[in-house]
């Protein structure tokens, strides 16, 4: 079913569909979170593993804060322009275009929140696994370590950006392996 759709539909329509689909799903779910979970409310869905938790994130990913919001917004707009440029310039690479479309849809979703509300709504709260990196010294640098007992709360836009980045990384790894294989086989034939 999907292969027939992808073969018969021009890639540009699919890319626009991904961008608009991510943007629409992101904005609808954030609106529902504002209506049903605000001001600060957490509802258990699957025990402690999955909760819906309303958080307004004034910073960047994972609650990191930047003191100058104007600079951050300008940098976000520049990032969206760069992603859009890559999306248009990768005409012959379908996987990367789909990946950048996913990232662009997520970036637009969070950027809309920043413009309208000054912060991004996050609401998906999972307990995947604990992260505990003990403090250590490497050469001349002391690292204080890092501990995370619960995964940071996120939203649909964050999922889209993450999926797009994973697609880009996997594509890069596969391209690198393919190039090594081709160059190795080419050397064997000579």
Protein backbone atom coordinates (compact mmCIF):
# COMPACT_ATOMS: atom_id res chain seq x y z
CA UNK A 1 0.00 0.00 0.00
CA UNK A 2 2.66 2.52 1.04
CA UNK A 3 5.03 1.61 -1.78
CA UNK A 4 2.29 2.28 -4.33
CA UNK A 5 1.63 5.67 -2.67
CA UNK A 6 5.31 6.65 -2.67
CA UNK A 7 5.77 5.60 -6.31
CA UNK A 8 2.71 7.46 -7.57
CA UNK A 9 3.06 10.63 -5.48
CA UNK A 10 5.76 13.18 -6.32
CA UNK A 11 8.35 13.54 -3.57
CA UNK A 12 7.62 17.24 -3.13
CA UNK A 13 4.03 16.45 -2.12
CA UNK A 14 5.25 13.87 0.37
CA UNK A 15 7.78 16.32 1.83
CA UNK A 16 5.13 19.04 2.19
CA UNK A 17 2.75 16.46 3.68
CA UNK A 18 5.34 15.44 6.30
CA UNK A 19 6.07 19.06 7.24
CA UNK A 20 2.38 19.99 7.52
CA UNK A 21 1.45 16.68 9.18
CA UNK A 22 4.11 17.05 11.88
CA UNK A 23 3.21 20.71 12.39
CA UNK A 24 -0.51 20.00 12.65
CA UNK A 25 -0.13 16.99 14.98
CA UNK A 26 2.31 18.93 17.14
CA UNK A 27 0.07 21.99 17.49
CA UNK A 28 -3.09 19.92 18.14
CA UNK A 29 -1.42 17.83 20.85
CA UNK A 30 0.09 20.92 22.50
CA UNK A 31 -3.34 22.59 22.47
CA UNK A 32 -4.87 19.51 24.10
CA UNK A 33 -2.10 19.53 26.70
CA UNK A 34 -2.82 23.20 27.47
CA UNK A 35 -6.55 22.52 27.81
CA UNK A 36 -6.45 19.29 29.81
CA UNK A 37 -3.15 19.36 31.72
CA UNK A 38 -2.55 23.02 32.55
CA UNK A 39 -1.39 24.65 34.78
CA UNK A 40 0.89 21.91 36.12
CA UNK A 41 -0.65 18.51 36.06
CA UNK A 42 0.64 14.99 35.58
CA UNK A 43 -1.60 12.07 34.70
CA UNK A 44 -0.37 8.50 34.86
CA UNK A 45 -1.11 6.54 31.68
CA UNK A 46 1.01 3.38 32.18
CA UNK A 47 2.04 3.45 35.83
CA UNK A 48 5.22 5.40 36.38
CA UNK A 49 6.56 4.43 32.94
CA UNK A 50 4.42 6.84 30.90
CA UNK A 51 2.70 9.99 32.15
CA UNK A 52 1.28 13.10 30.55
CA UNK A 53 2.96 15.96 32.36
CA UNK A 54 2.39 19.62 31.44
CA UNK A 55 5.59 21.66 31.33
CA UNK A 56 6.32 25.02 29.70
CA UNK A 57 9.91 24.98 28.53
CA UNK A 58 11.42 28.48 28.16
CA UNK A 59 14.78 27.11 27.04
CA UNK A 60 16.04 24.73 24.43
CA UNK A 61 15.92 20.93 24.41
CA UNK A 62 15.76 19.13 27.74
CA UNK A 63 15.05 22.32 29.67
CA UNK A 64 18.42 23.95 29.04
CA UNK A 65 18.03 27.71 29.31
CA UNK A 66 19.50 30.53 27.27
CA UNK A 67 19.44 33.93 28.92
CA UNK A 68 18.96 36.01 25.76
CA UNK A 69 15.61 34.94 24.22
CA UNK A 70 15.94 37.29 21.23
CA UNK A 71 19.29 35.78 20.24
CA UNK A 72 17.88 32.28 20.71
CA UNK A 73 14.84 33.06 18.53
CA UNK A 74 17.05 34.55 15.80
CA UNK A 75 19.31 31.48 15.90
CA UNK A 76 16.21 29.25 15.68
CA UNK A 77 15.00 31.13 12.60
CA UNK A 78 18.44 30.84 11.00
CA UNK A 79 18.44 27.08 11.74
CA UNK A 80 15.02 26.72 10.05
CA UNK A 81 16.30 28.61 6.99
CA UNK A 82 19.38 26.35 6.78
CA UNK A 83 17.24 23.21 7.11
CA UNK A 84 14.89 24.53 4.41
CA UNK A 85 17.90 25.21 2.16
CA UNK A 86 19.19 21.66 2.59
CA UNK A 87 15.72 20.28 2.01
CA UNK A 88 15.54 22.07 -1.35
CA UNK A 89 19.12 21.34 -2.39
CA UNK A 90 18.93 17.57 -1.83
CA UNK A 91 16.79 16.89 -4.90
CA UNK A 92 18.34 13.51 -5.67
CA UNK A 93 18.41 12.13 -2.14
CA UNK A 94 14.95 10.96 -1.07
CA UNK A 95 15.84 9.70 2.41
CA UNK A 96 17.60 12.93 3.40
CA UNK A 97 14.74 15.03 2.04
CA UNK A 98 12.27 13.05 4.17
CA UNK A 99 14.57 13.42 7.19
CA UNK A 100 14.91 17.18 6.73
CA UNK A 101 11.13 17.45 6.21
CA UNK A 102 10.58 15.77 9.58
CA UNK A 103 13.11 18.07 11.26
CA UNK A 104 11.61 21.14 9.60
CA UNK A 105 8.07 20.23 10.71
CA UNK A 106 9.27 19.83 14.29
CA UNK A 107 11.33 23.01 14.19
CA UNK A 108 8.34 24.99 12.90
CA UNK A 109 6.13 23.52 15.64
CA UNK A 110 8.43 24.62 18.44
CA UNK A 111 9.16 27.97 16.76
CA UNK A 112 5.43 28.74 16.61
CA UNK A 113 5.21 28.14 20.37
CA UNK A 114 8.15 30.46 20.99
CA UNK A 115 6.55 33.24 18.93
CA UNK A 116 3.06 32.86 20.39
CA UNK A 117 3.80 31.99 24.03
CA UNK A 118 7.51 32.62 24.62
CA UNK A 119 7.97 28.97 25.62
CA UNK A 120 7.37 25.48 24.27
CA UNK A 121 4.78 23.10 25.72
CA UNK A 122 6.13 19.64 26.56
CA UNK A 123 3.89 16.86 27.85
CA UNK A 124 5.21 13.36 27.01
CA UNK A 125 6.89 12.01 30.13
CA UNK A 126 8.61 8.59 29.99
CA UNK A 127 10.78 6.61 32.38
CA UNK A 128 13.04 4.83 29.86
CA UNK A 129 16.20 4.23 31.85
CA UNK A 130 18.36 6.05 34.36
CA UNK A 131 21.56 7.71 33.20
CA UNK A 132 24.42 7.83 35.64
CA UNK A 133 27.84 8.97 34.46
CA UNK A 134 30.22 9.23 37.42
CA UNK A 135 32.66 12.10 37.71
CA UNK A 136 36.05 11.44 36.12
CA UNK A 137 39.26 13.09 35.00
CA UNK A 138 40.42 12.91 31.38
CA UNK A 139 43.83 14.37 30.68
CA UNK A 140 43.63 17.87 32.17
CA UNK A 141 39.83 18.07 32.39
CA UNK A 142 37.63 17.25 35.34
CA UNK A 143 34.11 16.12 34.47
CA UNK A 144 31.62 16.46 37.30
CA UNK A 145 29.45 13.60 36.04
CA UNK A 146 25.79 13.53 35.14
CA UNK A 147 22.74 11.86 36.60
CA UNK A 148 19.23 11.67 35.16
CA UNK A 149 16.57 9.75 37.08
CA UNK A 150 13.76 10.42 34.62
CA UNK A 151 13.83 11.19 30.91
CA UNK A 152 13.18 14.88 30.09
CA UNK A 153 9.57 15.70 29.11
CA UNK A 154 9.15 16.28 25.37
CA UNK A 155 6.56 16.82 22.61
CA UNK A 156 5.64 15.67 19.08
CA UNK A 157 7.95 18.26 17.47
CA UNK A 158 10.87 16.86 19.47
CA UNK A 159 10.02 13.35 18.26
CA UNK A 160 9.99 14.54 14.63
CA UNK A 161 13.35 16.28 15.00
CA UNK A 162 14.85 13.21 16.69
CA UNK A 163 13.51 10.82 14.03
CA UNK A 164 14.88 13.10 11.30
CA UNK A 165 18.30 13.23 12.96
CA UNK A 166 18.38 9.43 13.39
CA UNK A 167 17.53 9.06 9.69
CA UNK A 168 20.42 11.39 8.77
CA UNK A 169 22.88 9.54 11.02
CA UNK A 170 21.82 6.10 9.75
CA UNK A 171 21.99 7.35 6.16
CA UNK A 172 25.51 8.68 6.77
CA UNK A 173 26.64 5.38 8.29
CA UNK A 174 25.13 3.36 5.44
CA UNK A 175 26.60 5.71 2.81
CA UNK A 176 30.03 5.43 4.43
CA UNK A 177 29.82 1.61 4.48
CA UNK A 178 28.64 1.57 0.88
CA UNK A 179 31.50 3.84 -0.22
CA UNK A 180 34.03 1.65 1.62
CA UNK A 181 32.55 -1.46 0.05
CA UNK A 182 32.58 0.06 -3.44
CA UNK A 183 36.16 1.33 -3.08
CA UNK A 184 37.32 -2.00 -1.62
CA UNK A 185 35.64 -3.97 -4.44
CA UNK A 186 37.05 -1.52 -7.00
CA UNK A 187 40.58 -2.11 -5.67
CA UNK A 188 40.11 -5.87 -5.84
CA UNK A 189 39.07 -5.75 -9.49
CA UNK A 190 42.12 -3.72 -10.56
